[in-house]
Amino acid sequence: MDTDWASYRFVTDPGIAAEAIERRRGRPPAPHELAALRARFLALLAEESYAEVPGAAALLRALRGRRDIALAIATGAWRQSALLKLARARVPVDGLPMATADDAVSREEILRIAARRAGGPFDRTTSVGDAVWDVAAARVLGARFVGISCDNDPGKLAAAGATRILPDLRDMDRFLEAAGVAM
């Protein structure tokens, strides 16, 4: 399987799964093939440990208390895999609106759904992500983007067009400034 995720049309769990099968087999996957791949993927994820992006849990707890901010989780992961990773990383997302790759195959549509579930549309939206495809999705939607480079080369985010890049989420004031939110 090609692990150059940016080479896939849809950089989401189902998008990559379907395209990987099609590349290998020369045809679209049958539903039972996608189901088997998903089950195996989830089993493999369950064997791993996951670490929080430094500061993510504290930031979410702090932002939940603000009336001027609506939060939502938007992820290209299947809901079950996203919840597993977040729980293992001890990131508190209970009760937050969430859109996942179970809702749509494109990241742009996942972001739209997350915004609607958070009570949007909004005058201004900020997307937070760590990959070049996150930058691209935010650009398509006209959203402000804050890149988090803790596991990645910040130069890649910058080359993709990100102008606000933080090493992690530990400095809340710096994050709020990058996100364009009043402190």
N, C-alpha and C. Protein backbone atom coordinates (compact mmCIF):
# COMPACT_ATOMS: atom_id res chain seq x y z
N MET A 1 0.85 -1.18 0.00
CA MET A 1 0.00 0.00 0.00
C MET A 1 0.89 1.23 0.00
N ASP A 2 0.54 2.18 -0.84
CA ASP A 2 1.29 3.43 -0.93
C ASP A 2 0.97 4.27 0.30
N THR A 3 1.99 4.60 1.09
CA THR A 3 1.78 5.40 2.31
C THR A 3 2.04 6.89 2.08
N ASP A 4 2.14 7.31 0.85
CA ASP A 4 2.19 8.73 0.53
C ASP A 4 0.74 9.21 0.51
N TRP A 5 0.22 9.55 1.70
CA TRP A 5 -1.20 9.86 1.83
C TRP A 5 -1.63 10.99 0.90
N ALA A 6 -0.77 11.93 0.63
CA ALA A 6 -1.11 13.05 -0.25
C ALA A 6 -1.36 12.60 -1.69
N SER A 7 -0.97 11.38 -2.02
CA SER A 7 -1.18 10.89 -3.38
C SER A 7 -2.62 10.39 -3.61
N TYR A 8 -3.41 10.33 -2.55
CA TYR A 8 -4.78 9.84 -2.67
C TYR A 8 -5.74 11.00 -2.94
N ARG A 9 -6.78 10.73 -3.70
CA ARG A 9 -7.76 11.77 -4.03
C ARG A 9 -8.44 12.28 -2.78
N PHE A 10 -8.90 11.37 -1.92
CA PHE A 10 -9.53 11.72 -0.66
C PHE A 10 -8.68 11.18 0.48
N VAL A 11 -8.07 12.07 1.25
CA VAL A 11 -7.19 11.65 2.33
C VAL A 11 -8.04 11.49 3.60
N THR A 12 -8.86 10.45 3.55
CA THR A 12 -9.71 10.04 4.67
C THR A 12 -9.62 8.53 4.75
N ASP A 13 -9.99 7.97 5.87
CA ASP A 13 -9.91 6.51 6.00
C ASP A 13 -10.63 5.78 4.86
N PRO A 14 -11.91 6.10 4.58
CA PRO A 14 -12.57 5.38 3.50
C PRO A 14 -12.04 5.75 2.11
N GLY A 15 -11.61 7.00 1.94
CA GLY A 15 -11.06 7.40 0.65
C GLY A 15 -9.78 6.65 0.32
N ILE A 16 -8.89 6.56 1.29
CA ILE A 16 -7.63 5.83 1.09
C ILE A 16 -7.91 4.35 0.92
N ALA A 17 -8.80 3.79 1.75
CA ALA A 17 -9.10 2.36 1.66
C ALA A 17 -9.64 2.00 0.28
N ALA A 18 -10.62 2.76 -0.19
CA ALA A 18 -11.22 2.45 -1.49
C ALA A 18 -10.21 2.60 -2.62
N GLU A 19 -9.43 3.67 -2.59
CA GLU A 19 -8.47 3.89 -3.67
C GLU A 19 -7.34 2.87 -3.62
N ALA A 20 -6.90 2.49 -2.43
CA ALA A 20 -5.84 1.49 -2.33
C ALA A 20 -6.29 0.15 -2.90
N ILE A 21 -7.51 -0.23 -2.60
CA ILE A 21 -8.04 -1.48 -3.15
C ILE A 21 -8.16 -1.37 -4.67
N GLU A 22 -8.65 -0.23 -5.15
CA GLU A 22 -8.80 -0.05 -6.59
C GLU A 22 -7.45 -0.07 -7.30
N ARG A 23 -6.44 0.55 -6.72
CA ARG A 23 -5.11 0.53 -7.32
C ARG A 23 -4.58 -0.90 -7.39
N ARG A 24 -4.83 -1.66 -6.35
CA ARG A 24 -4.31 -3.03 -6.27
C ARG A 24 -5.08 -4.00 -7.15
N ARG A 25 -6.40 -3.85 -7.18
CA ARG A 25 -7.25 -4.81 -7.88
C ARG A 25 -7.71 -4.34 -9.25
N GLY A 26 -7.52 -3.05 -9.55
CA GLY A 26 -7.94 -2.54 -10.85
C GLY A 26 -9.44 -2.35 -10.99
N ARG A 27 -10.13 -2.31 -9.86
CA ARG A 27 -11.58 -2.13 -9.85
C ARG A 27 -11.99 -1.56 -8.50
N PRO A 28 -13.17 -0.93 -8.46
CA PRO A 28 -13.64 -0.42 -7.17
C PRO A 28 -13.85 -1.58 -6.20
N PRO A 29 -13.70 -1.31 -4.91
CA PRO A 29 -13.88 -2.38 -3.93
C PRO A 29 -15.34 -2.76 -3.74
N ALA A 30 -15.56 -4.02 -3.46
CA ALA A 30 -16.89 -4.48 -3.09
C ALA A 30 -17.15 -4.08 -1.63
N PRO A 31 -18.39 -3.91 -1.25
CA PRO A 31 -18.69 -3.52 0.14
C PRO A 31 -18.06 -4.46 1.18
N HIS A 32 -18.05 -5.75 0.91
CA HIS A 32 -17.47 -6.69 1.89
C HIS A 32 -15.95 -6.51 2.00
N GLU A 33 -15.30 -6.08 0.91
CA GLU A 33 -13.86 -5.83 0.98
C GLU A 33 -13.56 -4.61 1.85
N LEU A 34 -14.34 -3.55 1.66
CA LEU A 34 -14.16 -2.36 2.50
C LEU A 34 -14.44 -2.67 3.96
N ALA A 35 -15.47 -3.47 4.21
CA ALA A 35 -15.80 -3.83 5.59
C ALA A 35 -14.68 -4.64 6.23
N ALA A 36 -14.10 -5.55 5.48
CA ALA A 36 -13.00 -6.36 6.01
C ALA A 36 -11.77 -5.50 6.27
N LEU A 37 -11.47 -4.60 5.35
CA LEU A 37 -10.32 -3.71 5.54
C LEU A 37 -10.54 -2.82 6.76
N ARG A 38 -11.73 -2.30 6.90
CA ARG A 38 -12.04 -1.43 8.05
C ARG A 38 -11.89 -2.19 9.36
N ALA A 39 -12.41 -3.40 9.41
CA ALA A 39 -12.32 -4.21 10.63
C ALA A 39 -10.86 -4.50 10.98
N ARG A 40 -10.07 -4.83 9.99
CA ARG A 40 -8.65 -5.11 10.24
C ARG A 40 -7.92 -3.85 10.69
N PHE A 41 -8.21 -2.74 10.04
CA PHE A 41 -7.60 -1.46 10.40
C PHE A 41 -7.91 -1.12 11.86
N LEU A 42 -9.16 -1.24 12.25
CA LEU A 42 -9.55 -0.93 13.62
C LEU A 42 -8.87 -1.87 14.61
N ALA A 43 -8.73 -3.13 14.25
CA ALA A 43 -8.05 -4.09 15.13
C ALA A 43 -6.58 -3.69 15.30
N LEU A 44 -5.94 -3.27 14.23
CA LEU A 44 -4.55 -2.84 14.32
C LEU A 44 -4.42 -1.57 15.16
N LEU A 45 -5.34 -0.62 14.98
CA LEU A 45 -5.30 0.60 15.77
C LEU A 45 -5.44 0.30 17.26
N ALA A 46 -6.26 -0.68 17.60
CA ALA A 46 -6.50 -1.02 19.00
C ALA A 46 -5.25 -1.56 19.68
N GLU A 47 -4.28 -1.99 18.92
CA GLU A 47 -3.03 -2.51 19.47
C GLU A 47 -2.02 -1.40 19.77
N GLU A 48 -2.31 -0.18 19.34
CA GLU A 48 -1.36 0.93 19.47
C GLU A 48 -1.70 1.82 20.65
N SER A 49 -0.74 2.65 21.02
CA SER A 49 -1.00 3.69 22.01
C SER A 49 -0.94 5.03 21.29
N TYR A 50 -1.59 6.02 21.86
CA TYR A 50 -1.67 7.33 21.22
C TYR A 50 -1.40 8.41 22.25
N ALA A 51 -0.70 9.43 21.82
CA ALA A 51 -0.37 10.55 22.70
C ALA A 51 -1.12 11.79 22.25
N GLU A 52 -1.53 12.55 23.21
CA GLU A 52 -2.19 13.82 22.96
C GLU A 52 -1.21 14.78 22.30
N VAL A 53 -1.71 15.59 21.37
CA VAL A 53 -0.92 16.74 20.92
C VAL A 53 -0.75 17.59 22.17
N PRO A 54 0.48 17.88 22.57
CA PRO A 54 0.69 18.60 23.82
C PRO A 54 -0.18 19.85 23.93
N GLY A 55 -0.98 19.89 24.99
CA GLY A 55 -1.86 21.02 25.25
C GLY A 55 -3.28 20.87 24.74
N ALA A 56 -3.56 19.85 23.93
CA ALA A 56 -4.88 19.72 23.32
C ALA A 56 -6.00 19.56 24.35
N ALA A 57 -5.82 18.70 25.32
CA ALA A 57 -6.87 18.45 26.31
C ALA A 57 -7.16 19.72 27.11
N ALA A 58 -6.12 20.39 27.57
CA ALA A 58 -6.31 21.62 28.36
C ALA A 58 -6.96 22.71 27.51
N LEU A 59 -6.56 22.83 26.27
CA LEU A 59 -7.14 23.83 25.38
C LEU A 59 -8.63 23.57 25.17
N LEU A 60 -8.99 22.33 24.90
CA LEU A 60 -10.41 22.01 24.71
C LEU A 60 -11.22 22.30 25.96
N ARG A 61 -10.69 21.92 27.11
CA ARG A 61 -11.41 22.20 28.37
C ARG A 61 -11.62 23.71 28.54
N ALA A 62 -10.60 24.50 28.26
CA ALA A 62 -10.70 25.95 28.42
C ALA A 62 -11.66 26.57 27.41
N LEU A 63 -11.61 26.11 26.16
CA LEU A 63 -12.45 26.70 25.13
C LEU A 63 -13.92 26.32 25.28
N ARG A 64 -14.19 25.17 25.88
CA ARG A 64 -15.59 24.76 26.09
C ARG A 64 -16.34 25.75 26.96
N GLY A 65 -15.64 26.45 27.82
CA GLY A 65 -16.29 27.40 28.71
C GLY A 65 -16.56 28.75 28.09
N ARG A 66 -16.16 28.97 26.87
CA ARG A 66 -16.33 30.28 26.23
C ARG A 66 -17.61 30.31 25.40
N ARG A 67 -18.37 31.38 25.59
CA ARG A 67 -19.63 31.53 24.84
C ARG A 67 -19.40 32.06 23.43
N ASP A 68 -18.24 32.64 23.17
CA ASP A 68 -17.98 33.24 21.86
C ASP A 68 -17.34 32.26 20.88
N ILE A 69 -17.20 31.00 21.28
CA ILE A 69 -16.55 29.99 20.43
C ILE A 69 -17.43 28.76 20.36
N ALA A 70 -17.63 28.26 19.16
CA ALA A 70 -18.31 26.98 18.97
C ALA A 70 -17.25 25.97 18.54
N LEU A 71 -17.19 24.85 19.21
CA LEU A 71 -16.20 23.83 18.91
C LEU A 71 -16.83 22.64 18.21
N ALA A 72 -16.04 22.00 17.37
CA ALA A 72 -16.46 20.74 16.74
C ALA A 72 -15.20 19.98 16.36
N ILE A 73 -15.32 18.69 16.32
CA ILE A 73 -14.24 17.82 15.84
C ILE A 73 -14.58 17.45 14.40
N ALA A 74 -13.62 17.63 13.51
CA ALA A 74 -13.76 17.23 12.11
C ALA A 74 -12.54 16.38 11.79
N THR A 75 -12.77 15.15 11.38
CA THR A 75 -11.64 14.26 11.13
C THR A 75 -11.89 13.37 9.93
N GLY A 76 -10.82 13.09 9.22
CA GLY A 76 -10.88 12.17 8.09
C GLY A 76 -10.84 10.72 8.51
N ALA A 77 -10.83 10.48 9.80
CA ALA A 77 -10.85 9.11 10.32
C ALA A 77 -12.30 8.62 10.42
N TRP A 78 -12.48 7.30 10.38
CA TRP A 78 -13.79 6.75 10.69
C TRP A 78 -14.09 7.09 12.14
N ARG A 79 -15.34 7.26 12.47
CA ARG A 79 -15.74 7.67 13.83
C ARG A 79 -15.14 6.74 14.88
N GLN A 80 -15.25 5.45 14.66
CA GLN A 80 -14.76 4.49 15.66
C GLN A 80 -13.25 4.62 15.85
N SER A 81 -12.51 4.81 14.77
CA SER A 81 -11.05 4.95 14.92
C SER A 81 -10.69 6.28 15.56
N ALA A 82 -11.43 7.34 15.23
CA ALA A 82 -11.17 8.65 15.85
C ALA A 82 -11.43 8.59 17.35
N LEU A 83 -12.55 8.01 17.74
CA LEU A 83 -12.88 7.93 19.16
C LEU A 83 -11.88 7.07 19.93
N LEU A 84 -11.41 6.00 19.32
CA LEU A 84 -10.40 5.16 19.95
C LEU A 84 -9.11 5.95 20.20
N LYS A 85 -8.63 6.65 19.18
CA LYS A 85 -7.40 7.43 19.31
C LYS A 85 -7.55 8.54 20.35
N LEU A 86 -8.66 9.26 20.30
CA LEU A 86 -8.88 10.35 21.24
C LEU A 86 -8.99 9.85 22.68
N ALA A 87 -9.68 8.74 22.87
CA ALA A 87 -9.80 8.18 24.22
C ALA A 87 -8.44 7.73 24.75
N ARG A 88 -7.67 7.06 23.91
CA ARG A 88 -6.36 6.59 24.34
C ARG A 88 -5.42 7.74 24.63
N ALA A 89 -5.59 8.86 23.93
CA ALA A 89 -4.75 10.04 24.15
C ALA A 89 -5.30 10.91 25.29
N ARG A 90 -6.44 10.51 25.84
CA ARG A 90 -7.09 11.23 26.94
C ARG A 90 -7.46 12.67 26.56
N VAL A 91 -7.99 12.82 25.36
CA VAL A 91 -8.48 14.12 24.89
C VAL A 91 -9.99 14.11 25.08
N PRO A 92 -10.53 15.03 25.89
CA PRO A 92 -11.95 15.03 26.24
C PRO A 92 -12.85 15.58 25.14
N VAL A 93 -13.53 14.71 24.43
CA VAL A 93 -14.39 15.16 23.34
C VAL A 93 -15.86 14.81 23.57
N ASP A 94 -16.19 14.21 24.71
CA ASP A 94 -17.58 13.86 24.99
C ASP A 94 -18.46 15.09 24.88
N GLY A 95 -19.55 14.95 24.15
CA GLY A 95 -20.49 16.05 24.01
C GLY A 95 -20.15 17.05 22.93
N LEU A 96 -18.97 16.97 22.36
CA LEU A 96 -18.63 17.89 21.27
C LEU A 96 -19.25 17.40 19.97
N PRO A 97 -19.76 18.32 19.15
CA PRO A 97 -20.21 17.91 17.82
C PRO A 97 -19.02 17.32 17.06
N MET A 98 -19.29 16.30 16.26
CA MET A 98 -18.22 15.64 15.54
C MET A 98 -18.69 15.23 14.15
N ALA A 99 -17.83 15.43 13.18
CA ALA A 99 -18.05 14.91 11.83
C ALA A 99 -16.84 14.08 11.47
N THR A 100 -17.09 12.92 10.91
CA THR A 100 -16.01 11.98 10.59
C THR A 100 -16.14 11.48 9.16
N ALA A 101 -15.24 10.62 8.80
CA ALA A 101 -15.28 10.02 7.47
C ALA A 101 -16.46 9.07 7.30
N ASP A 102 -17.19 8.78 8.38
CA ASP A 102 -18.45 8.04 8.25
C ASP A 102 -19.53 8.94 7.66
N ASP A 103 -19.33 10.26 7.77
CA ASP A 103 -20.31 11.23 7.28
C ASP A 103 -20.07 11.64 5.84
N ALA A 104 -18.82 11.66 5.42
CA ALA A 104 -18.47 12.10 4.06
C ALA A 104 -17.06 11.60 3.74
N VAL A 105 -16.75 11.50 2.47
CA VAL A 105 -15.42 11.03 2.08
C VAL A 105 -14.43 12.17 1.90
N SER A 106 -14.91 13.38 1.61
CA SER A 106 -13.99 14.50 1.40
C SER A 106 -13.82 15.30 2.68
N ARG A 107 -12.62 15.79 2.90
CA ARG A 107 -12.34 16.59 4.09
C ARG A 107 -13.15 17.88 4.09
N GLU A 108 -13.35 18.47 2.93
CA GLU A 108 -14.12 19.71 2.86
C GLU A 108 -15.55 19.48 3.35
N GLU A 109 -16.17 18.41 2.90
CA GLU A 109 -17.54 18.13 3.33
C GLU A 109 -17.58 17.77 4.82
N ILE A 110 -16.57 17.08 5.31
CA ILE A 110 -16.50 16.76 6.74
C ILE A 110 -16.45 18.06 7.55
N LEU A 111 -15.65 19.03 7.10
CA LEU A 111 -15.59 20.33 7.79
C LEU A 111 -16.93 21.05 7.75
N ARG A 112 -17.61 21.01 6.61
CA ARG A 112 -18.92 21.65 6.50
C ARG A 112 -19.92 21.02 7.49
N ILE A 113 -19.92 19.71 7.55
CA ILE A 113 -20.84 19.00 8.45
C ILE A 113 -20.51 19.34 9.91
N ALA A 114 -19.24 19.37 10.26
CA ALA A 114 -18.84 19.71 11.63
C ALA A 114 -19.32 21.11 12.00
N ALA A 115 -19.18 22.06 11.08
CA ALA A 115 -19.63 23.43 11.34
C ALA A 115 -21.14 23.48 11.54
N ARG A 116 -21.89 22.75 10.72
CA ARG A 116 -23.35 22.71 10.88
C ARG A 116 -23.73 22.11 12.23
N ARG A 117 -23.05 21.04 12.60
CA ARG A 117 -23.36 20.39 13.88
C ARG A 117 -22.99 21.26 15.07
N ALA A 118 -22.07 22.18 14.87
CA ALA A 118 -21.68 23.11 15.94
C ALA A 118 -22.60 24.31 16.01
N GLY A 119 -23.57 24.39 15.09
CA GLY A 119 -24.52 25.50 15.11
C GLY A 119 -24.34 26.51 14.01
N GLY A 120 -23.42 26.23 13.07
CA GLY A 120 -23.15 27.16 11.98
C GLY A 120 -24.26 27.20 10.97
N PRO A 121 -24.15 28.05 9.96
CA PRO A 121 -22.90 28.67 9.50
C PRO A 121 -22.46 29.83 10.39
N PHE A 122 -21.18 30.09 10.33
CA PHE A 122 -20.56 31.13 11.14
C PHE A 122 -19.96 32.20 10.24
N ASP A 123 -19.81 33.40 10.80
CA ASP A 123 -19.15 34.48 10.07
C ASP A 123 -17.69 34.15 9.82
N ARG A 124 -17.09 33.43 10.78
CA ARG A 124 -15.67 33.10 10.67
C ARG A 124 -15.45 31.71 11.24
N THR A 125 -14.64 30.93 10.53
CA THR A 125 -14.32 29.57 10.96
C THR A 125 -12.82 29.40 10.95
N THR A 126 -12.32 28.72 11.96
CA THR A 126 -10.90 28.38 12.01
C THR A 126 -10.77 26.88 12.05
N SER A 127 -9.96 26.35 11.18
CA SER A 127 -9.67 24.92 11.14
C SER A 127 -8.26 24.71 11.69
N VAL A 128 -8.11 23.65 12.48
CA VAL A 128 -6.82 23.32 13.07
C VAL A 128 -6.42 21.95 12.54
N GLY A 129 -5.20 21.83 12.03
CA GLY A 129 -4.77 20.55 11.50
C GLY A 129 -3.26 20.44 11.45
N ASP A 130 -2.81 19.25 11.06
CA ASP A 130 -1.36 19.00 11.06
C ASP A 130 -0.81 18.52 9.73
N ALA A 131 -1.62 18.57 8.68
CA ALA A 131 -1.17 18.03 7.40
C ALA A 131 -1.53 18.95 6.24
N VAL A 132 -0.83 18.76 5.13
CA VAL A 132 -1.04 19.61 3.96
C VAL A 132 -2.47 19.52 3.44
N TRP A 133 -3.12 18.37 3.55
CA TRP A 133 -4.50 18.24 3.09
C TRP A 133 -5.45 19.01 4.00
N ASP A 134 -5.08 19.23 5.24
CA ASP A 134 -5.88 20.08 6.13
C ASP A 134 -5.82 21.53 5.68
N VAL A 135 -4.64 21.96 5.27
CA VAL A 135 -4.46 23.32 4.75
C VAL A 135 -5.34 23.51 3.51
N ALA A 136 -5.30 22.54 2.61
CA ALA A 136 -6.06 22.62 1.36
C ALA A 136 -7.56 22.68 1.62
N ALA A 137 -8.05 21.85 2.54
CA ALA A 137 -9.49 21.83 2.83
C ALA A 137 -9.94 23.18 3.42
N ALA A 138 -9.15 23.73 4.33
CA ALA A 138 -9.49 25.03 4.91
C ALA A 138 -9.52 26.11 3.83
N ARG A 139 -8.56 26.07 2.92
CA ARG A 139 -8.50 27.06 1.85
C ARG A 139 -9.75 26.98 0.98
N VAL A 140 -10.16 25.77 0.60
CA VAL A 140 -11.34 25.60 -0.24
C VAL A 140 -12.57 26.21 0.43
N LEU A 141 -12.65 26.09 1.75
CA LEU A 141 -13.81 26.59 2.47
C LEU A 141 -13.68 28.04 2.92
N GLY A 142 -12.53 28.64 2.67
CA GLY A 142 -12.31 30.01 3.09
C GLY A 142 -12.15 30.16 4.59
N ALA A 143 -11.72 29.10 5.25
CA ALA A 143 -11.53 29.13 6.70
C ALA A 143 -10.11 29.54 7.03
N ARG A 144 -9.95 30.20 8.16
CA ARG A 144 -8.62 30.46 8.70
C ARG A 144 -8.03 29.11 9.08
N PHE A 145 -6.72 28.97 8.97
CA PHE A 145 -6.09 27.69 9.30
C PHE A 145 -4.96 27.90 10.29
N VAL A 146 -4.93 27.05 11.31
CA VAL A 146 -3.82 27.03 12.26
C VAL A 146 -3.18 25.65 12.14
N GLY A 147 -1.93 25.63 11.72
CA GLY A 147 -1.21 24.38 11.57
C GLY A 147 -0.49 24.01 12.87
N ILE A 148 -0.51 22.73 13.17
CA ILE A 148 0.19 22.21 14.34
C ILE A 148 1.26 21.25 13.82
N SER A 149 2.52 21.59 14.10
CA SER A 149 3.63 20.86 13.47
C SER A 149 4.34 19.89 14.40
N CYS A 150 3.72 19.52 15.54
CA CYS A 150 4.44 18.73 16.54
C CYS A 150 5.04 17.43 15.98
N ASP A 151 4.39 16.78 15.05
CA ASP A 151 4.91 15.54 14.49
C ASP A 151 5.38 15.69 13.05
N ASN A 152 5.27 16.88 12.50
CA ASN A 152 5.57 17.08 11.09
C ASN A 152 6.53 18.24 10.88
N ASP A 153 7.05 18.31 9.70
CA ASP A 153 7.93 19.40 9.30
C ASP A 153 7.08 20.65 9.06
N PRO A 154 7.27 21.72 9.83
CA PRO A 154 6.47 22.93 9.62
C PRO A 154 6.66 23.51 8.23
N GLY A 155 7.80 23.23 7.59
CA GLY A 155 8.03 23.72 6.23
C GLY A 155 7.03 23.19 5.24
N LYS A 156 6.56 21.95 5.45
CA LYS A 156 5.55 21.38 4.55
C LYS A 156 4.23 22.12 4.68
N LEU A 157 3.86 22.45 5.90
CA LEU A 157 2.62 23.22 6.11
C LEU A 157 2.75 24.60 5.47
N ALA A 158 3.89 25.23 5.68
CA ALA A 158 4.11 26.56 5.10
C ALA A 158 4.08 26.50 3.57
N ALA A 159 4.73 25.48 2.99
CA ALA A 159 4.74 25.34 1.54
C ALA A 159 3.33 25.12 0.99
N ALA A 160 2.46 24.53 1.80
CA ALA A 160 1.07 24.29 1.38
C ALA A 160 0.21 25.53 1.55
N GLY A 161 0.77 26.57 2.18
CA GLY A 161 0.03 27.82 2.31
C GLY A 161 -0.33 28.21 3.73
N ALA A 162 0.05 27.41 4.71
CA ALA A 162 -0.26 27.77 6.10
C ALA A 162 0.63 28.93 6.53
N THR A 163 0.02 29.94 7.12
CA THR A 163 0.78 31.10 7.59
C THR A 163 0.84 31.16 9.11
N ARG A 164 -0.01 30.39 9.77
CA ARG A 164 -0.03 30.33 11.23
C ARG A 164 0.30 28.90 11.63
N ILE A 165 1.51 28.67 12.11
CA ILE A 165 1.96 27.33 12.45
C ILE A 165 2.53 27.35 13.87
N LEU A 166 2.01 26.47 14.70
CA LEU A 166 2.47 26.35 16.08
C LEU A 166 3.10 24.98 16.28
N PRO A 167 4.05 24.87 17.22
CA PRO A 167 4.66 23.56 17.45
C PRO A 167 3.73 22.59 18.17
N ASP A 168 2.78 23.12 18.95
CA ASP A 168 1.82 22.30 19.70
C ASP A 168 0.73 23.23 20.21
N LEU A 169 -0.06 22.78 21.18
CA LEU A 169 -1.18 23.58 21.67
C LEU A 169 -1.02 24.01 23.13
N ARG A 170 0.20 24.01 23.61
CA ARG A 170 0.44 24.34 25.02
C ARG A 170 0.27 25.83 25.34
N ASP A 171 0.56 26.70 24.41
CA ASP A 171 0.47 28.14 24.67
C ASP A 171 -0.89 28.64 24.19
N MET A 172 -1.84 28.71 25.14
CA MET A 172 -3.21 29.07 24.77
C MET A 172 -3.31 30.47 24.18
N ASP A 173 -2.60 31.42 24.72
CA ASP A 173 -2.65 32.78 24.18
C ASP A 173 -2.15 32.82 22.74
N ARG A 174 -1.08 32.12 22.48
CA ARG A 174 -0.53 32.07 21.12
C ARG A 174 -1.51 31.40 20.17
N PHE A 175 -2.17 30.33 20.65
CA PHE A 175 -3.17 29.66 19.81
C PHE A 175 -4.33 30.60 19.51
N LEU A 176 -4.85 31.26 20.54
CA LEU A 176 -5.98 32.16 20.35
C LEU A 176 -5.65 33.28 19.37
N GLU A 177 -4.43 33.80 19.47
CA GLU A 177 -4.00 34.83 18.53
C GLU A 177 -3.95 34.27 17.11
N ALA A 178 -3.38 33.10 16.93
CA ALA A 178 -3.31 32.48 15.61
C ALA A 178 -4.69 32.19 15.05
N ALA A 179 -5.60 31.80 15.94
CA ALA A 179 -6.96 31.47 15.51
C ALA A 179 -7.82 32.71 15.28
N GLY A 180 -7.29 33.89 15.66
CA GLY A 180 -8.04 35.13 15.46
C GLY A 180 -9.15 35.30 16.47
N VAL A 181 -8.95 34.79 17.68
CA VAL A 181 -9.96 34.85 18.73
C VAL A 181 -9.51 35.84 19.78
N ALA A 182 -10.43 36.67 20.23
CA ALA A 182 -10.12 37.63 21.29
C ALA A 182 -9.79 36.89 22.58
N MET A 183 -8.79 37.40 23.29
CA MET A 183 -8.37 36.72 24.53
C MET A 183 -9.14 37.16 25.72
